[in-house]
Amino acid sequence: MHARGDVWQARPRETARRTARTSGRRSPRPPPPLVGKAYGRLSERLRVHDRQIRTLHRTWLFEGAVRHRPAMKRRTLLVLVTCLLVGALLNVGVAWITGCFVQYKDAVGSSTAMTDDPVRIDPYTGDRVGPPGVSALLYRGLGAEYIVVTVVEWTRVDDPVVRPPMSRLWPRWGPLSRRTPRDVFENPPRNQRLGYAARGWPMRSMWCELEQGTHGPLRGGIPMGQSHTPNTFIVTQHILPLFPAWPGFTLNTLFYAGLLWLIVAAPGAARRRWRTRRGRCAACGYPIGPGAICSECGTPTPRSRITAD
């Protein structure tokens, strides 16, 4: 301290020290001129380097997303093919399960005349009978059908039972799907009878043939025994059909593959939708910034699908 006249005044350095001591901190000292210039140049270089690093990081993320996009497509294609193969196996398995355990519940018959011969009287029964034609008897169960087509010498005329038309009983699977009753009548099979059994759900997808109807040898199937439906005269021959029935085999395979796809893909789709609605990356769940790709994993994130929190 020094005195000017009668007033004592503190020196500037002592005043700064006293102020720093009373405030609890020390006053910063300015760096020397050369050190300040070097520090400024270093800070600028660091900022430029940081911008370059950020640019390279974004470029690497975008290139990685573009590079991994074919891999994602291959993975999706692999899952789709796997679902189709498993769907085909499930289709065959369901057809064989119905062939082993399902019984026929009812039978529906119908006949149609194929000539214009007049109605005549049967000498044995006295009933009126129609001209020759084709009759069909269809046995039905859950996921099981068996049809017997016979070329008959006469058809019913005065039938008290209302029977469905032949077009409703004619199968849409197996060899009969490519033939008509007229074709069967003009080219009759051996023993004048055809028998075809089909299995599958929801559509008939596998079939086999009984060459002479009910009691003939089995072709295109493996016999698994017989069973009798209670309170009826229907006998079910359990079989494992081996021939695919189109288009039922294709439709059933697509049906089961679609169910598998829903089971496999539905949880992931719900999770991605939940993340997207909350403004997060659909792939990794990281919060999305203003860019077009995720800053964490590089997945493209269209702004049109992003909903802010």
C-alpha atoms as a PDB file:
ATOM      1  CA  MET A   1       0.000   0.000   0.000  1.00  0.00           C
ATOM      2  CA  HIS A   2       1.063   3.519  -0.512  1.00  0.00           C
ATOM      3  CA  ALA A   3      -0.308   6.850   0.616  1.00  0.00           C
ATOM      4  CA  ARG A   4      -1.412   9.758  -1.510  1.00  0.00           C
ATOM      5  CA  GLY A   5      -2.034  12.642   0.764  1.00  0.00           C
ATOM      6  CA  ASP A   6      -4.130  11.381   3.631  1.00  0.00           C
ATOM      7  CA  VAL A   7      -5.820   8.406   1.736  1.00  0.00           C
ATOM      8  CA  TRP A   8      -4.286   4.969   1.703  1.00  0.00           C
ATOM      9  CA  GLN A   9      -4.869   3.087  -1.557  1.00  0.00           C
ATOM     10  CA  ALA A  10      -4.121  -0.576  -2.405  1.00  0.00           C
ATOM     11  CA  ARG A  11      -2.083  -1.529  -5.423  1.00  0.00           C
ATOM     12  CA  PRO A  12      -3.924  -3.093  -8.342  1.00  0.00           C
ATOM     13  CA  ARG A  13      -2.266  -6.520  -7.922  1.00  0.00           C
ATOM     14  CA  GLU A  14      -3.020  -6.638  -4.226  1.00  0.00           C
ATOM     15  CA  THR A  15      -6.631  -5.643  -4.934  1.00  0.00           C
ATOM     16  CA  ALA A  16      -7.025  -8.508  -7.452  1.00  0.00           C
ATOM     17  CA  ARG A  17      -5.546 -10.998  -4.979  1.00  0.00           C
ATOM     18  CA  ARG A  18      -7.849  -9.816  -2.213  1.00  0.00           C
ATOM     19  CA  THR A  19     -10.868 -10.103  -4.503  1.00  0.00           C
ATOM     20  CA  ALA A  20      -9.906 -13.621  -5.577  1.00  0.00           C
ATOM     21  CA  ARG A  21      -9.306 -14.633  -1.951  1.00  0.00           C
ATOM     22  CA  THR A  22     -12.695 -13.343  -0.842  1.00  0.00           C
ATOM     23  CA  SER A  23     -14.570 -14.927  -3.803  1.00  0.00           C
ATOM     24  CA  GLY A  24     -12.909 -18.329  -3.314  1.00  0.00           C
ATOM     25  CA  ARG A  25     -11.321 -18.606  -6.774  1.00  0.00           C
ATOM     26  CA  ARG A  26      -8.216 -17.367  -8.476  1.00  0.00           C
ATOM     27  CA  SER A  27      -8.395 -14.981 -11.399  1.00  0.00           C
ATOM     28  CA  PRO A  28      -7.343 -16.549 -14.728  1.00  0.00           C
ATOM     29  CA  ARG A  29      -4.121 -15.394 -16.150  1.00  0.00           C
ATOM     30  CA  PRO A  30      -4.021 -14.608 -19.839  1.00  0.00           C
ATOM     31  CA  PRO A  31      -1.664 -16.929 -21.778  1.00  0.00           C
ATOM     32  CA  PRO A  32       1.421 -15.497 -23.396  1.00  0.00           C
ATOM     33  CA  PRO A  33       0.955 -14.232 -26.959  1.00  0.00           C
ATOM     34  CA  LEU A  34       2.764 -17.151 -28.648  1.00  0.00           C
ATOM     35  CA  VAL A  35       0.939 -19.793 -26.616  1.00  0.00           C
ATOM     36  CA  GLY A  36      -2.440 -18.173 -27.372  1.00  0.00           C
ATOM     37  CA  LYS A  37      -1.790 -18.259 -31.131  1.00  0.00           C
ATOM     38  CA  ALA A  38      -0.686 -21.916 -31.020  1.00  0.00           C
ATOM     39  CA  TYR A  39      -3.741 -22.829 -28.959  1.00  0.00           C
ATOM     40  CA  GLY A  40      -6.021 -21.093 -31.467  1.00  0.00           C
ATOM     41  CA  ARG A  41      -4.437 -22.922 -34.410  1.00  0.00           C
ATOM     42  CA  LEU A  42      -4.720 -26.255 -32.573  1.00  0.00           C
ATOM     43  CA  SER A  43      -8.379 -25.640 -31.723  1.00  0.00           C
ATOM     44  CA  GLU A  44      -9.147 -24.843 -35.354  1.00  0.00           C
ATOM     45  CA  ARG A  45      -7.385 -28.014 -36.506  1.00  0.00           C
ATOM     46  CA  LEU A  46      -9.309 -30.048 -33.967  1.00  0.00           C
ATOM     47  CA  ARG A  47     -12.621 -28.592 -35.170  1.00  0.00           C
ATOM     48  CA  VAL A  48     -11.744 -29.363 -38.795  1.00  0.00           C
ATOM     49  CA  HIS A  49     -10.656 -32.865 -37.837  1.00  0.00           C
ATOM     50  CA  ASP A  50     -13.886 -33.393 -35.901  1.00  0.00           C
ATOM     51  CA  ARG A  51     -15.959 -32.322 -38.922  1.00  0.00           C
ATOM     52  CA  GLN A  52     -13.995 -34.711 -41.124  1.00  0.00           C
ATOM     53  CA  ILE A  53     -14.505 -37.544 -38.651  1.00  0.00           C
ATOM     54  CA  ARG A  54     -18.263 -36.871 -38.536  1.00  0.00           C
ATOM     55  CA  THR A  55     -18.436 -36.755 -42.334  1.00  0.00           C
ATOM     56  CA  LEU A  56     -16.525 -40.032 -42.652  1.00  0.00           C
ATOM     57  CA  HIS A  57     -18.744 -41.630 -40.005  1.00  0.00           C
ATOM     58  CA  ARG A  58     -21.919 -40.654 -41.847  1.00  0.00           C
ATOM     59  CA  THR A  59     -20.447 -41.847 -45.141  1.00  0.00           C
ATOM     60  CA  TRP A  60     -19.411 -45.151 -43.574  1.00  0.00           C
ATOM     61  CA  LEU A  61     -22.863 -45.638 -42.086  1.00  0.00           C
ATOM     62  CA  PHE A  62     -24.584 -44.900 -45.384  1.00  0.00           C
ATOM     63  CA  GLU A  63     -22.239 -47.184 -47.337  1.00  0.00           C
ATOM     64  CA  GLY A  64     -22.744 -49.883 -44.732  1.00  0.00           C
ATOM     65  CA  ALA A  65     -26.502 -49.574 -45.040  1.00  0.00           C
ATOM     66  CA  VAL A  66     -26.265 -49.799 -48.821  1.00  0.00           C
ATOM     67  CA  ARG A  67     -23.853 -52.723 -48.548  1.00  0.00           C
ATOM     68  CA  HIS A  68     -26.059 -54.609 -46.081  1.00  0.00           C
ATOM     69  CA  ARG A  69     -29.263 -54.020 -48.061  1.00  0.00           C
ATOM     70  CA  PRO A  70     -28.659 -57.028 -50.403  1.00  0.00           C
ATOM     71  CA  ALA A  71     -27.916 -59.143 -47.329  1.00  0.00           C
ATOM     72  CA  MET A  72     -31.259 -58.127 -45.828  1.00  0.00           C
ATOM     73  CA  LYS A  73     -33.015 -59.066 -49.077  1.00  0.00           C
ATOM     74  CA  ARG A  74     -31.262 -62.440 -49.109  1.00  0.00           C
ATOM     75  CA  ARG A  75     -32.282 -63.009 -45.504  1.00  0.00           C
ATOM     76  CA  THR A  76     -35.914 -62.172 -46.287  1.00  0.00           C
ATOM     77  CA  LEU A  77     -35.848 -64.480 -49.317  1.00  0.00           C
ATOM     78  CA  LEU A  78     -34.342 -67.260 -47.192  1.00  0.00           C
ATOM     79  CA  VAL A  79     -37.081 -66.882 -44.567  1.00  0.00           C
ATOM     80  CA  LEU A  80     -39.736 -66.935 -47.308  1.00  0.00           C
ATOM     81  CA  VAL A  81     -38.350 -70.091 -48.918  1.00  0.00           C
ATOM     82  CA  THR A  82     -38.080 -71.738 -45.504  1.00  0.00           C
ATOM     83  CA  CYS A  83     -41.710 -70.902 -44.738  1.00  0.00           C
ATOM     84  CA  LEU A  84     -42.793 -72.384 -48.076  1.00  0.00           C
ATOM     85  CA  LEU A  85     -40.868 -75.610 -47.474  1.00  0.00           C
ATOM     86  CA  VAL A  86     -42.192 -75.979 -43.941  1.00  0.00           C
ATOM     87  CA  GLY A  87     -45.688 -75.144 -45.220  1.00  0.00           C
ATOM     88  CA  ALA A  88     -45.431 -77.953 -47.784  1.00  0.00           C
ATOM     89  CA  LEU A  89     -44.332 -80.393 -45.061  1.00  0.00           C
ATOM     90  CA  LEU A  90     -47.220 -79.294 -42.840  1.00  0.00           C
ATOM     91  CA  ASN A  91     -49.572 -79.732 -45.784  1.00  0.00           C
ATOM     92  CA  VAL A  92     -48.478 -83.349 -46.288  1.00  0.00           C
ATOM     93  CA  GLY A  93     -48.539 -83.989 -42.539  1.00  0.00           C
ATOM     94  CA  VAL A  94     -52.106 -82.724 -42.151  1.00  0.00           C
ATOM     95  CA  ALA A  95     -53.227 -84.823 -45.148  1.00  0.00           C
ATOM     96  CA  TRP A  96     -51.680 -87.951 -43.630  1.00  0.00           C
ATOM     97  CA  ILE A  97     -53.151 -87.225 -40.188  1.00  0.00           C
ATOM     98  CA  THR A  98     -56.634 -86.916 -41.672  1.00  0.00           C
ATOM     99  CA  GLY A  99     -55.985 -90.073 -43.681  1.00  0.00           C
ATOM    100  CA  CYS A 100     -55.122 -92.044 -40.532  1.00  0.00           C
ATOM    101  CA  PHE A 101     -57.732 -90.784 -38.062  1.00  0.00           C
ATOM    102  CA  VAL A 102     -60.695 -89.115 -39.823  1.00  0.00           C
ATOM    103  CA  GLN A 103     -63.809 -91.152 -40.563  1.00  0.00           C
ATOM    104  CA  TYR A 104     -66.475 -90.485 -43.171  1.00  0.00           C
ATOM    105  CA  LYS A 105     -69.580 -88.966 -41.618  1.00  0.00           C
ATOM    106  CA  ASP A 106     -72.100 -89.146 -44.442  1.00  0.00           C
ATOM    107  CA  ALA A 107     -72.549 -90.154 -48.063  1.00  0.00           C
ATOM    108  CA  VAL A 108     -74.350 -88.340 -50.884  1.00  0.00           C
ATOM    109  CA  GLY A 109     -75.208 -89.892 -54.230  1.00  0.00           C
ATOM    110  CA  SER A 110     -76.427 -88.659 -57.583  1.00  0.00           C
ATOM    111  CA  SER A 111     -76.833 -89.948 -61.123  1.00  0.00           C
ATOM    112  CA  THR A 112     -77.260 -88.438 -64.543  1.00  0.00           C
ATOM    113  CA  ALA A 113     -78.451 -89.932 -67.846  1.00  0.00           C
ATOM    114  CA  MET A 114     -76.149 -89.838 -70.844  1.00  0.00           C
ATOM    115  CA  THR A 115     -78.501 -90.952 -73.634  1.00  0.00           C
ATOM    116  CA  ASP A 116     -81.955 -90.019 -74.893  1.00  0.00           C
ATOM    117  CA  ASP A 117     -83.464 -93.478 -74.511  1.00  0.00           C
ATOM    118  CA  PRO A 118     -87.071 -93.547 -73.310  1.00  0.00           C
ATOM    119  CA  VAL A 119     -88.069 -94.417 -69.773  1.00  0.00           C
ATOM    120  CA  ARG A 120     -88.852 -98.096 -69.312  1.00  0.00           C
ATOM    121  CA  ILE A 121     -90.224-100.384 -66.631  1.00  0.00           C
ATOM    122  CA  ASP A 122     -87.857-102.613 -64.698  1.00  0.00           C
ATOM    123  CA  PRO A 123     -89.189-106.207 -65.058  1.00  0.00           C
ATOM    124  CA  TYR A 124     -87.868-107.240 -61.649  1.00  0.00           C
ATOM    125  CA  THR A 125     -89.057-104.358 -59.454  1.00  0.00           C
ATOM    126  CA  GLY A 126     -91.680-102.695 -61.612  1.00  0.00           C
ATOM    127  CA  ASP A 127     -90.081 -99.264 -61.116  1.00  0.00           C
ATOM    128  CA  ARG A 128     -89.620 -96.734 -63.845  1.00  0.00           C
ATOM    129  CA  VAL A 129     -85.957 -96.446 -64.803  1.00  0.00           C
ATOM    130  CA  GLY A 130     -84.182 -94.047 -67.071  1.00  0.00           C
ATOM    131  CA  PRO A 131     -81.562 -94.485 -69.767  1.00  0.00           C
ATOM    132  CA  PRO A 132     -77.933 -95.464 -69.081  1.00  0.00           C
ATOM    133  CA  GLY A 133     -75.687 -92.912 -67.443  1.00  0.00           C
ATOM    134  CA  VAL A 134     -73.160 -92.236 -64.711  1.00  0.00           C
ATOM    135  CA  SER A 135     -73.713 -92.334 -60.952  1.00  0.00           C
ATOM    136  CA  ALA A 136     -71.493 -90.885 -58.259  1.00  0.00           C
ATOM    137  CA  LEU A 137     -71.407 -91.615 -54.536  1.00  0.00           C
ATOM    138  CA  LEU A 138     -69.417 -89.199 -52.378  1.00  0.00           C
ATOM    139  CA  TYR A 139     -68.314 -90.002 -48.836  1.00  0.00           C
ATOM    140  CA  ARG A 140     -67.362 -86.957 -46.782  1.00  0.00           C
ATOM    141  CA  GLY A 141     -65.546 -86.234 -43.545  1.00  0.00           C
ATOM    142  CA  LEU A 142     -63.419 -83.501 -41.989  1.00  0.00           C
ATOM    143  CA  GLY A 143     -60.602 -83.085 -44.489  1.00  0.00           C
ATOM    144  CA  ALA A 144     -61.476 -86.365 -46.217  1.00  0.00           C
ATOM    145  CA  GLU A 145     -63.391 -87.298 -49.355  1.00  0.00           C
ATOM    146  CA  TYR A 146     -63.939 -90.522 -51.224  1.00  0.00           C
ATOM    147  CA  ILE A 147     -65.890 -90.716 -54.478  1.00  0.00           C
ATOM    148  CA  VAL A 148     -67.004 -93.778 -56.413  1.00  0.00           C
ATOM    149  CA  VAL A 149     -67.994 -93.187 -60.037  1.00  0.00           C
ATOM    150  CA  THR A 150     -69.872 -96.000 -61.785  1.00  0.00           C
ATOM    151  CA  VAL A 151     -71.159 -96.391 -65.319  1.00  0.00           C
ATOM    152  CA  VAL A 152     -74.723 -97.749 -64.848  1.00  0.00           C
ATOM    153  CA  GLU A 153     -77.159 -99.317 -67.269  1.00  0.00           C
ATOM    154  CA  TRP A 154     -80.086 -97.285 -65.974  1.00  0.00           C
ATOM    155  CA  THR A 155     -80.707 -94.192 -63.831  1.00  0.00           C
ATOM    156  CA  ARG A 156     -83.381 -93.386 -61.306  1.00  0.00           C
ATOM    157  CA  VAL A 157     -86.480 -91.512 -62.449  1.00  0.00           C
ATOM    158  CA  ASP A 158     -88.965 -91.500 -59.573  1.00  0.00           C
ATOM    159  CA  ASP A 159     -86.498 -90.992 -56.731  1.00  0.00           C
ATOM    160  CA  PRO A 160     -88.237 -89.793 -53.528  1.00  0.00           C
ATOM    161  CA  VAL A 161     -84.946 -88.401 -52.202  1.00  0.00           C
ATOM    162  CA  VAL A 162     -83.924 -84.975 -53.436  1.00  0.00           C
ATOM    163  CA  ARG A 163     -80.356 -85.421 -54.621  1.00  0.00           C
ATOM    164  CA  PRO A 164     -77.830 -82.737 -55.558  1.00  0.00           C
ATOM    165  CA  PRO A 165     -76.789 -82.329 -59.172  1.00  0.00           C
ATOM    166  CA  MET A 166     -73.782 -84.202 -60.460  1.00  0.00           C
ATOM    167  CA  SER A 167     -71.792 -80.959 -60.810  1.00  0.00           C
ATOM    168  CA  ARG A 168     -71.773 -80.464 -57.026  1.00  0.00           C
ATOM    169  CA  LEU A 169     -70.433 -83.949 -56.338  1.00  0.00           C
ATOM    170  CA  TRP A 170     -67.863 -84.066 -59.120  1.00  0.00           C
ATOM    171  CA  PRO A 171     -64.407 -83.569 -57.541  1.00  0.00           C
ATOM    172  CA  ARG A 172     -62.075 -80.716 -58.370  1.00  0.00           C
ATOM    173  CA  TRP A 173     -58.979 -82.760 -57.529  1.00  0.00           C
ATOM    174  CA  GLY A 174     -57.283 -85.766 -59.044  1.00  0.00           C
ATOM    175  CA  PRO A 175     -57.853 -87.219 -62.524  1.00  0.00           C
ATOM    176  CA  LEU A 176     -61.620 -86.598 -62.435  1.00  0.00           C
ATOM    177  CA  SER A 177     -60.990 -82.840 -62.349  1.00  0.00           C
ATOM    178  CA  ARG A 178     -59.790 -83.152 -65.952  1.00  0.00           C
ATOM    179  CA  ARG A 179     -62.670 -85.384 -67.038  1.00  0.00           C
ATOM    180  CA  THR A 180     -66.439 -85.026 -67.329  1.00  0.00           C
ATOM    181  CA  PRO A 181     -69.248 -87.531 -66.745  1.00  0.00           C
ATOM    182  CA  ARG A 182     -69.695 -87.727 -70.503  1.00  0.00           C
ATOM    183  CA  ASP A 183     -66.028 -88.687 -70.933  1.00  0.00           C
ATOM    184  CA  VAL A 184     -66.298 -91.370 -68.236  1.00  0.00           C
ATOM    185  CA  PHE A 185     -69.421 -92.785 -69.902  1.00  0.00           C
ATOM    186  CA  GLU A 186     -67.870 -92.903 -73.345  1.00  0.00           C
ATOM    187  CA  ASN A 187     -64.563 -94.334 -72.071  1.00  0.00           C
ATOM    188  CA  PRO A 188     -65.612 -96.591 -69.207  1.00  0.00           C
ATOM    189  CA  PRO A 189     -62.908 -97.915 -66.865  1.00  0.00           C
ATOM    190  CA  ARG A 190     -62.232-101.527 -66.086  1.00  0.00           C
ATOM    191  CA  ASN A 191     -65.037-103.067 -64.020  1.00  0.00           C
ATOM    192  CA  GLN A 192     -67.132 -99.984 -64.926  1.00  0.00           C
ATOM    193  CA  ARG A 193     -66.086 -98.275 -61.674  1.00  0.00           C
ATOM    194  CA  LEU A 194     -63.599 -95.689 -60.454  1.00  0.00           C
ATOM    195  CA  GLY A 195     -62.711 -94.874 -56.871  1.00  0.00           C
ATOM    196  CA  TYR A 196     -60.649 -91.911 -55.699  1.00  0.00           C
ATOM    197  CA  ALA A 197     -59.832 -90.813 -52.142  1.00  0.00           C
ATOM    198  CA  ALA A 198     -58.438 -87.425 -51.161  1.00  0.00           C
ATOM    199  CA  ARG A 199     -57.177 -85.948 -47.910  1.00  0.00           C
ATOM    200  CA  GLY A 200     -56.139 -82.498 -46.738  1.00  0.00           C
ATOM    201  CA  TRP A 201     -57.399 -79.399 -44.975  1.00  0.00           C
ATOM    202  CA  PRO A 202     -58.675 -76.756 -45.715  1.00  0.00           C
ATOM    203  CA  MET A 203     -58.623 -78.124 -49.287  1.00  0.00           C
ATOM    204  CA  ARG A 204     -57.947 -81.637 -50.537  1.00  0.00           C
ATOM    205  CA  SER A 205     -54.263 -81.744 -51.339  1.00  0.00           C
ATOM    206  CA  MET A 206     -53.297 -85.457 -51.600  1.00  0.00           C
ATOM    207  CA  TRP A 207     -55.112 -88.269 -53.407  1.00  0.00           C
ATOM    208  CA  CYS A 208     -54.885 -91.931 -54.328  1.00  0.00           C
ATOM    209  CA  GLU A 209     -56.884 -94.366 -56.459  1.00  0.00           C
ATOM    210  CA  LEU A 210     -58.780 -97.575 -55.837  1.00  0.00           C
ATOM    211  CA  GLU A 211     -58.657 -99.168 -59.257  1.00  0.00           C
ATOM    212  CA  GLN A 212     -61.931-101.121 -58.916  1.00  0.00           C
ATOM    213  CA  GLY A 213     -63.838 -98.910 -56.548  1.00  0.00           C
ATOM    214  CA  THR A 214     -64.302 -99.869 -52.931  1.00  0.00           C
ATOM    215  CA  HIS A 215     -62.601-103.277 -52.860  1.00  0.00           C
ATOM    216  CA  GLY A 216     -59.915-102.815 -55.511  1.00  0.00           C
ATOM    217  CA  PRO A 217     -56.163-102.575 -55.060  1.00  0.00           C
ATOM    218  CA  LEU A 218     -54.786 -99.274 -53.862  1.00  0.00           C
ATOM    219  CA  ARG A 219     -52.633 -97.223 -56.238  1.00  0.00           C
ATOM    220  CA  GLY A 220     -50.686 -94.193 -55.076  1.00  0.00           C
ATOM    221  CA  GLY A 221     -51.307 -94.714 -51.362  1.00  0.00           C
ATOM    222  CA  ILE A 222     -50.383 -96.747 -48.288  1.00  0.00           C
ATOM    223  CA  PRO A 223     -53.222 -98.639 -46.564  1.00  0.00           C
ATOM    224  CA  MET A 224     -53.569 -98.070 -42.817  1.00  0.00           C
ATOM    225  CA  GLY A 225     -56.533-100.258 -41.955  1.00  0.00           C
ATOM    226  CA  GLN A 226     -60.304 -99.729 -41.798  1.00  0.00           C
ATOM    227  CA  SER A 227     -62.835 -98.450 -39.318  1.00  0.00           C
ATOM    228  CA  HIS A 228     -66.628 -98.363 -39.077  1.00  0.00           C
ATOM    229  CA  THR A 229     -68.503 -95.121 -38.474  1.00  0.00           C
ATOM    230  CA  PRO A 230     -70.883 -95.578 -35.512  1.00  0.00           C
ATOM    231  CA  ASN A 231     -74.627 -95.796 -36.262  1.00  0.00           C
ATOM    232  CA  THR A 232     -74.028 -96.001 -40.012  1.00  0.00           C
ATOM    233  CA  PHE A 233     -73.105 -98.547 -42.656  1.00  0.00           C
ATOM    234  CA  ILE A 234     -70.100 -96.461 -43.768  1.00  0.00           C
ATOM    235  CA  VAL A 235     -66.691 -98.102 -43.707  1.00  0.00           C
ATOM    236  CA  THR A 236     -63.653 -95.815 -43.829  1.00  0.00           C
ATOM    237  CA  GLN A 237     -60.449 -97.095 -45.367  1.00  0.00           C
ATOM    238  CA  HIS A 238     -57.572 -95.236 -43.732  1.00  0.00           C
ATOM    239  CA  ILE A 239     -54.796 -94.414 -46.175  1.00  0.00           C
ATOM    240  CA  LEU A 240     -51.702 -92.304 -46.652  1.00  0.00           C
ATOM    241  CA  PRO A 241     -52.148 -90.701 -50.107  1.00  0.00           C
ATOM    242  CA  LEU A 242     -49.003 -90.015 -52.101  1.00  0.00           C
ATOM    243  CA  PHE A 243     -50.164 -88.037 -55.165  1.00  0.00           C
ATOM    244  CA  PRO A 244     -50.486 -84.224 -54.902  1.00  0.00           C
ATOM    245  CA  ALA A 245     -53.871 -82.821 -55.853  1.00  0.00           C
ATOM    246  CA  TRP A 246     -53.674 -79.534 -57.723  1.00  0.00           C
ATOM    247  CA  PRO A 247     -54.482 -76.725 -57.047  1.00  0.00           C
ATOM    248  CA  GLY A 248     -55.326 -77.760 -53.490  1.00  0.00           C
ATOM    249  CA  PHE A 249     -51.723 -78.679 -52.685  1.00  0.00           C
ATOM    250  CA  THR A 250     -50.493 -75.225 -53.755  1.00  0.00           C
ATOM    251  CA  LEU A 251     -53.231 -73.342 -51.914  1.00  0.00           C
ATOM    252  CA  ASN A 252     -52.763 -75.316 -48.707  1.00  0.00           C
ATOM    253  CA  THR A 253     -48.995 -74.802 -48.862  1.00  0.00           C
ATOM    254  CA  LEU A 254     -49.473 -71.042 -49.251  1.00  0.00           C
ATOM    255  CA  PHE A 255     -51.980 -71.080 -46.387  1.00  0.00           C
ATOM    256  CA  TYR A 256     -49.603 -72.804 -43.957  1.00  0.00           C
ATOM    257  CA  ALA A 257     -46.632 -70.746 -45.167  1.00  0.00           C
ATOM    258  CA  GLY A 258     -48.643 -67.562 -44.532  1.00  0.00           C
ATOM    259  CA  LEU A 259     -49.418 -68.703 -40.986  1.00  0.00           C
ATOM    260  CA  LEU A 260     -45.733 -69.413 -40.366  1.00  0.00           C
ATOM    261  CA  TRP A 261     -44.776 -66.044 -41.836  1.00  0.00           C
ATOM    262  CA  LEU A 262     -47.199 -64.310 -39.476  1.00  0.00           C
ATOM    263  CA  ILE A 263     -45.797 -66.194 -36.505  1.00  0.00           C
ATOM    264  CA  VAL A 264     -42.189 -65.380 -37.461  1.00  0.00           C
ATOM    265  CA  ALA A 265     -42.570 -61.845 -38.828  1.00  0.00           C
ATOM    266  CA  ALA A 266     -45.449 -60.402 -36.797  1.00  0.00           C
ATOM    267  CA  PRO A 267     -43.465 -59.792 -33.549  1.00  0.00           C
ATOM    268  CA  GLY A 268     -40.630 -58.094 -35.452  1.00  0.00           C
ATOM    269  CA  ALA A 269     -43.035 -55.958 -37.488  1.00  0.00           C
ATOM    270  CA  ALA A 270     -44.884 -54.883 -34.321  1.00  0.00           C
ATOM    271  CA  ARG A 271     -41.585 -54.009 -32.622  1.00  0.00           C
ATOM    272  CA  ARG A 272     -40.389 -51.961 -35.612  1.00  0.00           C
ATOM    273  CA  ARG A 273     -43.700 -50.118 -35.802  1.00  0.00           C
ATOM    274  CA  TRP A 274     -43.585 -49.380 -32.067  1.00  0.00           C
ATOM    275  CA  ARG A 275     -40.054 -47.967 -32.379  1.00  0.00           C
ATOM    276  CA  THR A 276     -40.897 -45.902 -35.458  1.00  0.00           C
ATOM    277  CA  ARG A 277     -43.944 -44.309 -33.833  1.00  0.00           C
ATOM    278  CA  ARG A 278     -41.710 -43.155 -30.984  1.00  0.00           C
ATOM    279  CA  GLY A 279     -39.065 -41.606 -33.196  1.00  0.00           C
ATOM    280  CA  ARG A 280     -36.530 -44.391 -32.853  1.00  0.00           C
ATOM    281  CA  CYS A 281     -34.645 -46.493 -35.355  1.00  0.00           C
ATOM    282  CA  ALA A 282     -36.710 -49.467 -36.437  1.00  0.00           C
ATOM    283  CA  ALA A 283     -33.633 -51.735 -36.508  1.00  0.00           C
ATOM    284  CA  CYS A 284     -31.759 -50.928 -33.289  1.00  0.00           C
ATOM    285  CA  GLY A 285     -34.121 -48.671 -31.303  1.00  0.00           C
ATOM    286  CA  TYR A 286     -31.637 -45.767 -31.123  1.00  0.00           C
ATOM    287  CA  PRO A 287     -33.155 -42.241 -31.122  1.00  0.00           C
ATOM    288  CA  ILE A 288     -33.198 -40.832 -34.646  1.00  0.00           C
ATOM    289  CA  GLY A 289     -31.616 -37.493 -35.400  1.00  0.00           C
ATOM    290  CA  PRO A 290     -32.412 -35.120 -38.246  1.00  0.00           C
ATOM    291  CA  GLY A 291     -30.496 -37.224 -40.798  1.00  0.00           C
ATOM    292  CA  ALA A 292     -31.891 -39.719 -43.268  1.00  0.00           C
ATOM    293  CA  ILE A 293     -30.003 -42.652 -41.703  1.00  0.00           C
ATOM    294  CA  CYS A 294     -29.598 -43.885 -38.163  1.00  0.00           C
ATOM    295  CA  SER A 295     -26.430 -42.539 -36.540  1.00  0.00           C
ATOM    296  CA  GLU A 296     -25.977 -45.781 -34.613  1.00  0.00           C
ATOM    297  CA  CYS A 297     -26.456 -48.590 -37.145  1.00  0.00           C
ATOM    298  CA  GLY A 298     -26.811 -46.787 -40.490  1.00  0.00           C
ATOM    299  CA  THR A 299     -30.299 -48.041 -41.349  1.00  0.00           C
ATOM    300  CA  PRO A 300     -32.156 -45.656 -43.723  1.00  0.00           C
ATOM    301  CA  THR A 301     -34.986 -43.913 -41.895  1.00  0.00           C
ATOM    302  CA  PRO A 302     -37.380 -42.037 -44.195  1.00  0.00           C
ATOM    303  CA  ARG A 303     -38.576 -38.892 -42.491  1.00  0.00           C
ATOM    304  CA  SER A 304     -42.087 -39.493 -43.702  1.00  0.00           C
ATOM    305  CA  ARG A 305     -42.390 -42.500 -41.394  1.00  0.00           C
ATOM    306  CA  ILE A 306     -40.941 -40.867 -38.312  1.00  0.00           C
ATOM    307  CA  THR A 307     -43.270 -39.594 -35.616  1.00  0.00           C
ATOM    308  CA  ALA A 308     -41.800 -37.402 -32.961  1.00  0.00           C
ATOM    309  CA  ASP A 309     -42.193 -38.302 -29.313  1.00  0.00           C
END
